[in-house]
Amino acid sequence: MTLLAAGAAGAIIGLSLGALGGGGSILAVPVLVYLLGQTAAQATTGSLVVVAATSLISAVTAQRTGHVLLWRGLSFGLVAVGGAAAGAVASSHVSDPVMLTAFAALMLVVAAMMLVRQVRSKSRQQEPGRASFDHPIITFKPGFLCNCPRALKVLVTATAAGLLTGFLGVGGGFLVVPALTLALALPIRYAVATSLVVITVTSVAALAVRTGAGPSPNWTLVFAMTAASMTGGILGARLARRLNAAVLSMAFTILVIGVAIYTTARIIAPVV
């Protein structure tokens, strides 16, 4: 029964990551804690395995659509590695209640950002052509040129996404997608697909720092969730072009709010 619950939760997480380029990973920790009985420290480590594997398989699947800008994603991800490492180290000094409280707050922020993204997407007209955004921020040929304001945006947003990934075990796609849209001027379809590359890089980096530091999760449950999530990620990436993204995003936003309320209630209950 527990393995079935892990598989069902993993499938939902994978569908969200594949179709929306983020958001689903934020459910992994509450599921591992409240549904599968892991501590917050175990859950955040296990979540990184789920997120890294699902993002990688989803990125490979999304590559076929032509929307994955591999070098942009790798560059953004490498900038975020420092933040991911720092977040992973800091997480070992935080108690479970504090970490779960941060999670509840973060889920509400994610829901709000997804709602804002939906409202903005309705006002967008036709997406710009690839030539309007596929240009370097920093170049050394024929001479050194730097779009420094944009480079600063990339540094700040990438570091913030890395910190969240390392500290809370989330993919940070809810932050990476808007960052790629604003800092790199990518259209939403390119941002969603490219964010999967970024999430893979930061999750692997954070997991490498966490390895051997702190309690290990129940790997049987983590691998069951990961397998189901990877399958969901492939399906989500394939359906991204066919599904009504607005309806899917709204449904997931409601789910995130519900989980945030439940998590908050569980934290407050022992205190009351």
C-alpha atoms as a PDB file:
ATOM      1  CA  MET A   1       0.000   0.000   0.000  1.00  0.00           C
ATOM      2  CA  THR A   2       2.842   2.364   0.872  1.00  0.00           C
ATOM      3  CA  LEU A   3       4.601   1.610  -2.414  1.00  0.00           C
ATOM      4  CA  LEU A   4       1.354   2.301  -4.299  1.00  0.00           C
ATOM      5  CA  ALA A   5       1.045   5.657  -2.551  1.00  0.00           C
ATOM      6  CA  ALA A   6       4.653   6.482  -3.458  1.00  0.00           C
ATOM      7  CA  GLY A   7       3.992   5.544  -7.074  1.00  0.00           C
ATOM      8  CA  ALA A   8       0.793   7.609  -7.321  1.00  0.00           C
ATOM      9  CA  ALA A   9       2.476  10.657  -5.798  1.00  0.00           C
ATOM     10  CA  GLY A  10       5.486  10.210  -8.070  1.00  0.00           C
ATOM     11  CA  ALA A  11       3.275  10.111 -11.162  1.00  0.00           C
ATOM     12  CA  ILE A  12       1.666  13.448 -10.234  1.00  0.00           C
ATOM     13  CA  ILE A  13       5.065  15.020  -9.579  1.00  0.00           C
ATOM     14  CA  GLY A  14       6.413  13.768 -12.903  1.00  0.00           C
ATOM     15  CA  LEU A  15       3.414  14.988 -14.883  1.00  0.00           C
ATOM     16  CA  SER A  16       3.810  18.459 -13.425  1.00  0.00           C
ATOM     17  CA  LEU A  17       7.567  18.613 -14.050  1.00  0.00           C
ATOM     18  CA  GLY A  18       7.202  17.380 -17.606  1.00  0.00           C
ATOM     19  CA  ALA A  19       4.227  19.521 -18.591  1.00  0.00           C
ATOM     20  CA  LEU A  20       4.841  22.695 -16.583  1.00  0.00           C
ATOM     21  CA  GLY A  21       8.612  22.682 -16.138  1.00  0.00           C
ATOM     22  CA  GLY A  22       8.363  22.886 -12.367  1.00  0.00           C
ATOM     23  CA  GLY A  23       6.082  22.990  -9.368  1.00  0.00           C
ATOM     24  CA  GLY A  24       5.630  19.247  -8.952  1.00  0.00           C
ATOM     25  CA  SER A  25       8.856  18.780  -7.069  1.00  0.00           C
ATOM     26  CA  ILE A  26       7.553  20.871  -4.215  1.00  0.00           C
ATOM     27  CA  LEU A  27       5.079  18.083  -3.439  1.00  0.00           C
ATOM     28  CA  ALA A  28       7.801  15.456  -2.984  1.00  0.00           C
ATOM     29  CA  VAL A  29       8.869  16.507   0.516  1.00  0.00           C
ATOM     30  CA  PRO A  30       5.354  16.737   2.052  1.00  0.00           C
ATOM     31  CA  VAL A  31       4.502  13.372   0.466  1.00  0.00           C
ATOM     32  CA  LEU A  32       7.644  11.742   1.849  1.00  0.00           C
ATOM     33  CA  VAL A  33       7.033  13.232   5.314  1.00  0.00           C
ATOM     34  CA  TYR A  34       3.268  12.930   5.831  1.00  0.00           C
ATOM     35  CA  LEU A  35       2.351  10.073   3.520  1.00  0.00           C
ATOM     36  CA  LEU A  36       5.473   7.908   3.684  1.00  0.00           C
ATOM     37  CA  GLY A  37       6.729   8.628   7.217  1.00  0.00           C
ATOM     38  CA  GLN A  38      10.147  10.139   6.505  1.00  0.00           C
ATOM     39  CA  THR A  39      11.754  12.925   8.537  1.00  0.00           C
ATOM     40  CA  ALA A  40      12.203  16.319   6.889  1.00  0.00           C
ATOM     41  CA  ALA A  41      15.954  15.709   6.522  1.00  0.00           C
ATOM     42  CA  GLN A  42      15.373  12.321   4.884  1.00  0.00           C
ATOM     43  CA  ALA A  43      12.624  13.716   2.677  1.00  0.00           C
ATOM     44  CA  THR A  44      14.639  16.626   1.308  1.00  0.00           C
ATOM     45  CA  THR A  45      17.448  14.252   0.316  1.00  0.00           C
ATOM     46  CA  GLY A  46      15.064  11.732  -1.246  1.00  0.00           C
ATOM     47  CA  SER A  47      13.255  14.519  -3.066  1.00  0.00           C
ATOM     48  CA  LEU A  48      16.459  15.503  -4.857  1.00  0.00           C
ATOM     49  CA  VAL A  49      16.745  11.990  -6.317  1.00  0.00           C
ATOM     50  CA  VAL A  50      13.169  12.160  -7.607  1.00  0.00           C
ATOM     51  CA  VAL A  51      13.625  15.649  -9.021  1.00  0.00           C
ATOM     52  CA  ALA A  52      17.005  15.035 -10.665  1.00  0.00           C
ATOM     53  CA  ALA A  53      15.965  11.813 -12.408  1.00  0.00           C
ATOM     54  CA  THR A  54      12.587  13.151 -13.537  1.00  0.00           C
ATOM     55  CA  SER A  55      13.996  16.432 -14.824  1.00  0.00           C
ATOM     56  CA  LEU A  56      16.678  14.609 -16.795  1.00  0.00           C
ATOM     57  CA  ILE A  57      14.280  12.212 -18.540  1.00  0.00           C
ATOM     58  CA  SER A  58      11.794  15.044 -19.153  1.00  0.00           C
ATOM     59  CA  ALA A  59      14.540  17.234 -20.656  1.00  0.00           C
ATOM     60  CA  VAL A  60      15.563  14.430 -23.028  1.00  0.00           C
ATOM     61  CA  THR A  61      11.936  13.985 -24.088  1.00  0.00           C
ATOM     62  CA  ALA A  62      11.377  17.742 -24.465  1.00  0.00           C
ATOM     63  CA  GLN A  63      14.541  18.033 -26.581  1.00  0.00           C
ATOM     64  CA  ARG A  64      12.602  16.491 -29.457  1.00  0.00           C
ATOM     65  CA  THR A  65      10.305  19.507 -29.549  1.00  0.00           C
ATOM     66  CA  GLY A  66      13.234  21.826 -30.290  1.00  0.00           C
ATOM     67  CA  HIS A  67      12.406  24.042 -27.306  1.00  0.00           C
ATOM     68  CA  VAL A  68      15.350  23.017 -25.088  1.00  0.00           C
ATOM     69  CA  LEU A  69      18.204  25.524 -25.288  1.00  0.00           C
ATOM     70  CA  LEU A  70      20.849  23.175 -23.901  1.00  0.00           C
ATOM     71  CA  TRP A  71      23.771  25.582 -23.526  1.00  0.00           C
ATOM     72  CA  ARG A  72      21.589  28.297 -21.978  1.00  0.00           C
ATOM     73  CA  GLY A  73      20.239  25.750 -19.502  1.00  0.00           C
ATOM     74  CA  LEU A  74      23.668  24.361 -18.643  1.00  0.00           C
ATOM     75  CA  SER A  75      25.113  27.854 -18.196  1.00  0.00           C
ATOM     76  CA  PHE A  76      22.261  28.938 -15.919  1.00  0.00           C
ATOM     77  CA  GLY A  77      22.535  25.681 -13.983  1.00  0.00           C
ATOM     78  CA  LEU A  78      26.284  25.987 -13.476  1.00  0.00           C
ATOM     79  CA  VAL A  79      25.830  29.509 -12.106  1.00  0.00           C
ATOM     80  CA  ALA A  80      23.250  28.075  -9.672  1.00  0.00           C
ATOM     81  CA  VAL A  81      25.559  25.290  -8.431  1.00  0.00           C
ATOM     82  CA  GLY A  82      27.178  27.539  -5.806  1.00  0.00           C
ATOM     83  CA  GLY A  83      23.803  28.373  -4.308  1.00  0.00           C
ATOM     84  CA  ALA A  84      22.767  24.703  -4.381  1.00  0.00           C
ATOM     85  CA  ALA A  85      25.888  23.660  -2.492  1.00  0.00           C
ATOM     86  CA  ALA A  86      25.444  26.412   0.117  1.00  0.00           C
ATOM     87  CA  GLY A  87      21.780  25.516   0.590  1.00  0.00           C
ATOM     88  CA  ALA A  88      22.587  21.820   1.027  1.00  0.00           C
ATOM     89  CA  VAL A  89      25.151  22.612   3.744  1.00  0.00           C
ATOM     90  CA  ALA A  90      22.791  25.018   5.537  1.00  0.00           C
ATOM     91  CA  SER A  91      19.957  22.459   5.588  1.00  0.00           C
ATOM     92  CA  SER A  92      21.874  20.234   8.009  1.00  0.00           C
ATOM     93  CA  HIS A  93      21.717  22.965  10.673  1.00  0.00           C
ATOM     94  CA  VAL A  94      17.930  23.458  10.568  1.00  0.00           C
ATOM     95  CA  SER A  95      15.339  21.534  12.602  1.00  0.00           C
ATOM     96  CA  ASP A  96      12.464  19.630  10.994  1.00  0.00           C
ATOM     97  CA  PRO A  97       9.703  22.036  12.181  1.00  0.00           C
ATOM     98  CA  VAL A  98      11.558  25.032  10.770  1.00  0.00           C
ATOM     99  CA  MET A  99      12.136  23.285   7.466  1.00  0.00           C
ATOM    100  CA  LEU A 100       8.500  22.211   7.138  1.00  0.00           C
ATOM    101  CA  THR A 101       7.296  25.706   8.050  1.00  0.00           C
ATOM    102  CA  ALA A 102       9.498  27.084   5.297  1.00  0.00           C
ATOM    103  CA  PHE A 103       7.977  24.536   2.959  1.00  0.00           C
ATOM    104  CA  ALA A 104       4.424  25.586   3.755  1.00  0.00           C
ATOM    105  CA  ALA A 105       5.307  29.233   3.121  1.00  0.00           C
ATOM    106  CA  LEU A 106       7.135  28.331  -0.072  1.00  0.00           C
ATOM    107  CA  MET A 107       4.178  26.380  -1.436  1.00  0.00           C
ATOM    108  CA  LEU A 108       1.928  29.404  -0.991  1.00  0.00           C
ATOM    109  CA  VAL A 109       4.493  31.540  -2.831  1.00  0.00           C
ATOM    110  CA  VAL A 110       4.609  28.961  -5.634  1.00  0.00           C
ATOM    111  CA  ALA A 111       0.823  28.987  -5.944  1.00  0.00           C
ATOM    112  CA  ALA A 112       0.794  32.796  -6.097  1.00  0.00           C
ATOM    113  CA  MET A 113       3.525  32.849  -8.758  1.00  0.00           C
ATOM    114  CA  MET A 114       1.664  30.278 -10.856  1.00  0.00           C
ATOM    115  CA  LEU A 115      -1.513  32.357 -10.653  1.00  0.00           C
ATOM    116  CA  VAL A 116       0.384  35.476 -11.741  1.00  0.00           C
ATOM    117  CA  ARG A 117       1.962  33.547 -14.613  1.00  0.00           C
ATOM    118  CA  GLN A 118      -1.483  32.422 -15.787  1.00  0.00           C
ATOM    119  CA  VAL A 119      -2.856  35.968 -15.748  1.00  0.00           C
ATOM    120  CA  ARG A 120       0.138  37.266 -17.685  1.00  0.00           C
ATOM    121  CA  SER A 121      -0.002  34.457 -20.228  1.00  0.00           C
ATOM    122  CA  LYS A 122      -3.551  35.437 -21.160  1.00  0.00           C
ATOM    123  CA  SER A 123      -2.369  38.932 -22.107  1.00  0.00           C
ATOM    124  CA  ARG A 124       0.534  37.683 -24.246  1.00  0.00           C
ATOM    125  CA  GLN A 125       0.214  37.749 -27.968  1.00  0.00           C
ATOM    126  CA  GLN A 126       2.237  35.704 -30.422  1.00  0.00           C
ATOM    127  CA  GLU A 127       5.610  34.537 -29.136  1.00  0.00           C
ATOM    128  CA  PRO A 128       8.686  36.203 -30.604  1.00  0.00           C
ATOM    129  CA  GLY A 129      10.819  34.399 -33.138  1.00  0.00           C
ATOM    130  CA  ARG A 130      13.884  32.541 -31.966  1.00  0.00           C
ATOM    131  CA  ALA A 131      16.225  35.130 -33.454  1.00  0.00           C
ATOM    132  CA  SER A 132      14.865  37.768 -31.053  1.00  0.00           C
ATOM    133  CA  PHE A 133      16.129  35.993 -27.946  1.00  0.00           C
ATOM    134  CA  ASP A 134      18.805  33.498 -28.990  1.00  0.00           C
ATOM    135  CA  HIS A 135      21.773  35.833 -28.584  1.00  0.00           C
ATOM    136  CA  PRO A 136      24.660  35.729 -26.070  1.00  0.00           C
ATOM    137  CA  ILE A 137      24.766  37.766 -22.870  1.00  0.00           C
ATOM    138  CA  ILE A 138      28.560  37.768 -22.797  1.00  0.00           C
ATOM    139  CA  THR A 139      30.757  37.274 -25.867  1.00  0.00           C
ATOM    140  CA  PHE A 140      34.498  37.491 -26.527  1.00  0.00           C
ATOM    141  CA  LYS A 141      34.441  37.483 -30.331  1.00  0.00           C
ATOM    142  CA  PRO A 142      35.124  39.658 -32.227  1.00  0.00           C
ATOM    143  CA  GLY A 143      35.556  41.722 -29.048  1.00  0.00           C
ATOM    144  CA  PHE A 144      34.372  41.569 -25.445  1.00  0.00           C
ATOM    145  CA  LEU A 145      30.729  42.535 -25.085  1.00  0.00           C
ATOM    146  CA  CYS A 146      28.598  42.189 -21.962  1.00  0.00           C
ATOM    147  CA  ASN A 147      24.927  42.756 -21.402  1.00  0.00           C
ATOM    148  CA  CYS A 148      25.708  43.331 -17.732  1.00  0.00           C
ATOM    149  CA  PRO A 149      22.196  44.122 -16.424  1.00  0.00           C
ATOM    150  CA  ARG A 150      20.930  40.850 -17.841  1.00  0.00           C
ATOM    151  CA  ALA A 151      24.015  38.998 -16.569  1.00  0.00           C
ATOM    152  CA  LEU A 152      23.302  40.329 -13.065  1.00  0.00           C
ATOM    153  CA  LYS A 153      19.692  39.098 -13.281  1.00  0.00           C
ATOM    154  CA  VAL A 154      20.943  35.647 -14.243  1.00  0.00           C
ATOM    155  CA  LEU A 155      23.424  35.595 -11.346  1.00  0.00           C
ATOM    156  CA  VAL A 156      20.837  36.615  -8.740  1.00  0.00           C
ATOM    157  CA  THR A 157      17.997  34.386  -9.942  1.00  0.00           C
ATOM    158  CA  ALA A 158      20.237  31.369 -10.578  1.00  0.00           C
ATOM    159  CA  THR A 159      21.803  31.626  -7.118  1.00  0.00           C
ATOM    160  CA  ALA A 160      18.348  31.943  -5.498  1.00  0.00           C
ATOM    161  CA  ALA A 161      17.069  28.897  -7.382  1.00  0.00           C
ATOM    162  CA  GLY A 162      20.165  26.945  -6.355  1.00  0.00           C
ATOM    163  CA  LEU A 163      19.745  27.876  -2.694  1.00  0.00           C
ATOM    164  CA  LEU A 164      16.144  26.648  -2.667  1.00  0.00           C
ATOM    165  CA  THR A 165      17.140  23.420  -4.395  1.00  0.00           C
ATOM    166  CA  GLY A 166      19.939  22.676  -1.946  1.00  0.00           C
ATOM    167  CA  PHE A 167      18.141  23.787   1.202  1.00  0.00           C
ATOM    168  CA  LEU A 168      14.628  22.397   0.690  1.00  0.00           C
ATOM    169  CA  GLY A 169      15.235  19.664  -1.876  1.00  0.00           C
ATOM    170  CA  VAL A 170      12.955  21.239  -4.478  1.00  0.00           C
ATOM    171  CA  GLY A 171      13.728  21.671  -8.148  1.00  0.00           C
ATOM    172  CA  GLY A 172      13.103  25.400  -8.142  1.00  0.00           C
ATOM    173  CA  GLY A 173      11.359  25.291 -11.513  1.00  0.00           C
ATOM    174  CA  PHE A 174       8.708  27.718 -10.288  1.00  0.00           C
ATOM    175  CA  LEU A 175      11.547  30.240  -9.937  1.00  0.00           C
ATOM    176  CA  VAL A 176      13.661  29.093 -12.885  1.00  0.00           C
ATOM    177  CA  VAL A 177      10.879  29.405 -15.479  1.00  0.00           C
ATOM    178  CA  PRO A 178      10.085  33.067 -14.648  1.00  0.00           C
ATOM    179  CA  ALA A 179      13.836  33.750 -14.398  1.00  0.00           C
ATOM    180  CA  LEU A 180      14.478  32.345 -17.865  1.00  0.00           C
ATOM    181  CA  THR A 181      11.536  34.353 -19.167  1.00  0.00           C
ATOM    182  CA  LEU A 182      12.616  37.637 -17.590  1.00  0.00           C
ATOM    183  CA  ALA A 183      16.409  37.404 -17.375  1.00  0.00           C
ATOM    184  CA  LEU A 184      17.002  35.645 -20.702  1.00  0.00           C
ATOM    185  CA  ALA A 185      13.873  36.859 -22.508  1.00  0.00           C
ATOM    186  CA  LEU A 186      12.857  33.305 -23.435  1.00  0.00           C
ATOM    187  CA  PRO A 187       9.290  32.613 -24.602  1.00  0.00           C
ATOM    188  CA  ILE A 188       7.365  30.461 -22.138  1.00  0.00           C
ATOM    189  CA  ARG A 189       7.632  27.213 -24.122  1.00  0.00           C
ATOM    190  CA  TYR A 190      11.418  27.551 -24.356  1.00  0.00           C
ATOM    191  CA  ALA A 191      11.646  28.551 -20.682  1.00  0.00           C
ATOM    192  CA  VAL A 192       9.614  25.526 -19.522  1.00  0.00           C
ATOM    193  CA  ALA A 193      11.691  23.072 -21.564  1.00  0.00           C
ATOM    194  CA  THR A 194      15.069  24.666 -20.764  1.00  0.00           C
ATOM    195  CA  SER A 195      14.278  24.841 -17.037  1.00  0.00           C
ATOM    196  CA  LEU A 196      14.405  21.040 -16.939  1.00  0.00           C
ATOM    197  CA  VAL A 197      18.128  21.204 -17.775  1.00  0.00           C
ATOM    198  CA  VAL A 198      18.702  23.748 -14.996  1.00  0.00           C
ATOM    199  CA  ILE A 199      16.770  21.670 -12.445  1.00  0.00           C
ATOM    200  CA  THR A 200      18.785  18.568 -13.331  1.00  0.00           C
ATOM    201  CA  VAL A 201      22.105  20.360 -12.810  1.00  0.00           C
ATOM    202  CA  THR A 202      21.176  21.998  -9.496  1.00  0.00           C
ATOM    203  CA  SER A 203      19.528  18.863  -8.077  1.00  0.00           C
ATOM    204  CA  VAL A 204      22.560  16.694  -8.853  1.00  0.00           C
ATOM    205  CA  ALA A 205      24.882  19.299  -7.303  1.00  0.00           C
ATOM    206  CA  ALA A 206      22.810  19.533  -4.113  1.00  0.00           C
ATOM    207  CA  LEU A 207      22.530  15.747  -3.870  1.00  0.00           C
ATOM    208  CA  ALA A 208      26.312  15.383  -4.218  1.00  0.00           C
ATOM    209  CA  VAL A 209      26.840  17.764  -1.276  1.00  0.00           C
ATOM    210  CA  ARG A 210      24.214  15.994   0.855  1.00  0.00           C
ATOM    211  CA  THR A 211      25.578  12.482   0.204  1.00  0.00           C
ATOM    212  CA  GLY A 212      26.823  10.988   3.460  1.00  0.00           C
ATOM    213  CA  ALA A 213      25.746  14.029   5.486  1.00  0.00           C
ATOM    214  CA  GLY A 214      22.654  13.305   7.546  1.00  0.00           C
ATOM    215  CA  PRO A 215      20.145  10.436   7.722  1.00  0.00           C
ATOM    216  CA  SER A 216      19.442   8.429   4.569  1.00  0.00           C
ATOM    217  CA  PRO A 217      15.842   8.134   3.364  1.00  0.00           C
ATOM    218  CA  ASN A 218      14.018   4.865   2.758  1.00  0.00           C
ATOM    219  CA  TRP A 219      15.509   4.173  -0.657  1.00  0.00           C
ATOM    220  CA  THR A 220      12.850   1.623  -1.610  1.00  0.00           C
ATOM    221  CA  LEU A 221      10.153   4.290  -1.328  1.00  0.00           C
ATOM    222  CA  VAL A 222      12.326   6.916  -3.002  1.00  0.00           C
ATOM    223  CA  PHE A 223      13.117   4.671  -5.967  1.00  0.00           C
ATOM    224  CA  ALA A 224       9.460   3.674  -6.345  1.00  0.00           C
ATOM    225  CA  MET A 225       8.466   7.324  -6.401  1.00  0.00           C
ATOM    226  CA  THR A 226      11.318   8.126  -8.791  1.00  0.00           C
ATOM    227  CA  ALA A 227      10.312   5.394 -11.270  1.00  0.00           C
ATOM    228  CA  ALA A 228       6.707   6.594 -11.311  1.00  0.00           C
ATOM    229  CA  SER A 229       7.808  10.221 -11.549  1.00  0.00           C
ATOM    230  CA  MET A 230      10.092   9.513 -14.509  1.00  0.00           C
ATOM    231  CA  THR A 231       7.229   7.800 -16.330  1.00  0.00           C
ATOM    232  CA  GLY A 232       4.962  10.744 -15.547  1.00  0.00           C
ATOM    233  CA  GLY A 233       7.676  13.155 -16.684  1.00  0.00           C
ATOM    234  CA  ILE A 234       7.912  11.493 -20.106  1.00  0.00           C
ATOM    235  CA  LEU A 235       4.141  11.613 -20.484  1.00  0.00           C
ATOM    236  CA  GLY A 236       3.956  15.207 -19.261  1.00  0.00           C
ATOM    237  CA  ALA A 237       6.652  16.388 -21.674  1.00  0.00           C
ATOM    238  CA  ARG A 238       4.856  14.723 -24.579  1.00  0.00           C
ATOM    239  CA  LEU A 239       1.478  16.126 -23.589  1.00  0.00           C
ATOM    240  CA  ALA A 240       2.781  19.645 -22.979  1.00  0.00           C
ATOM    241  CA  ARG A 241       1.967  20.622 -26.568  1.00  0.00           C
ATOM    242  CA  ARG A 242      -1.511  19.072 -26.528  1.00  0.00           C
ATOM    243  CA  LEU A 243      -2.925  19.793 -23.096  1.00  0.00           C
ATOM    244  CA  ASN A 244      -4.658  23.002 -22.105  1.00  0.00           C
ATOM    245  CA  ALA A 245      -1.751  24.408 -20.096  1.00  0.00           C
ATOM    246  CA  ALA A 246      -3.956  26.989 -18.359  1.00  0.00           C
ATOM    247  CA  VAL A 247      -6.369  24.355 -17.013  1.00  0.00           C
ATOM    248  CA  LEU A 248      -3.515  22.058 -15.966  1.00  0.00           C
ATOM    249  CA  SER A 249      -1.694  24.889 -14.241  1.00  0.00           C
ATOM    250  CA  MET A 250      -4.836  25.994 -12.386  1.00  0.00           C
ATOM    251  CA  ALA A 251      -5.552  22.462 -11.188  1.00  0.00           C
ATOM    252  CA  PHE A 252      -2.013  22.093  -9.934  1.00  0.00           C
ATOM    253  CA  THR A 253      -2.133  25.510  -8.242  1.00  0.00           C
ATOM    254  CA  ILE A 254      -5.204  24.411  -6.293  1.00  0.00           C
ATOM    255  CA  LEU A 255      -3.414  21.186  -5.332  1.00  0.00           C
ATOM    256  CA  VAL A 256      -0.362  23.107  -4.080  1.00  0.00           C
ATOM    257  CA  ILE A 257      -2.558  25.414  -1.969  1.00  0.00           C
ATOM    258  CA  GLY A 258      -4.297  22.393  -0.462  1.00  0.00           C
ATOM    259  CA  VAL A 259      -1.007  20.712   0.443  1.00  0.00           C
ATOM    260  CA  ALA A 260       0.309  23.989   1.895  1.00  0.00           C
ATOM    261  CA  ILE A 261      -2.749  24.314   4.136  1.00  0.00           C
ATOM    262  CA  TYR A 262      -2.440  20.683   5.232  1.00  0.00           C
ATOM    263  CA  THR A 263       1.262  21.083   5.992  1.00  0.00           C
ATOM    264  CA  THR A 264       0.608  24.249   8.002  1.00  0.00           C
ATOM    265  CA  ALA A 265      -2.165  22.524   9.964  1.00  0.00           C
ATOM    266  CA  ARG A 266       0.121  19.605  10.832  1.00  0.00           C
ATOM    267  CA  ILE A 267       2.794  22.013  12.054  1.00  0.00           C
ATOM    268  CA  ILE A 268       0.390  24.085  14.148  1.00  0.00           C
ATOM    269  CA  ALA A 269      -1.537  21.104  15.624  1.00  0.00           C
ATOM    270  CA  PRO A 270       1.165  20.002  18.148  1.00  0.00           C
ATOM    271  CA  VAL A 271       1.505  23.588  19.345  1.00  0.00           C
ATOM    272  CA  VAL A 272      -2.201  24.246  19.915  1.00  0.00           C
END
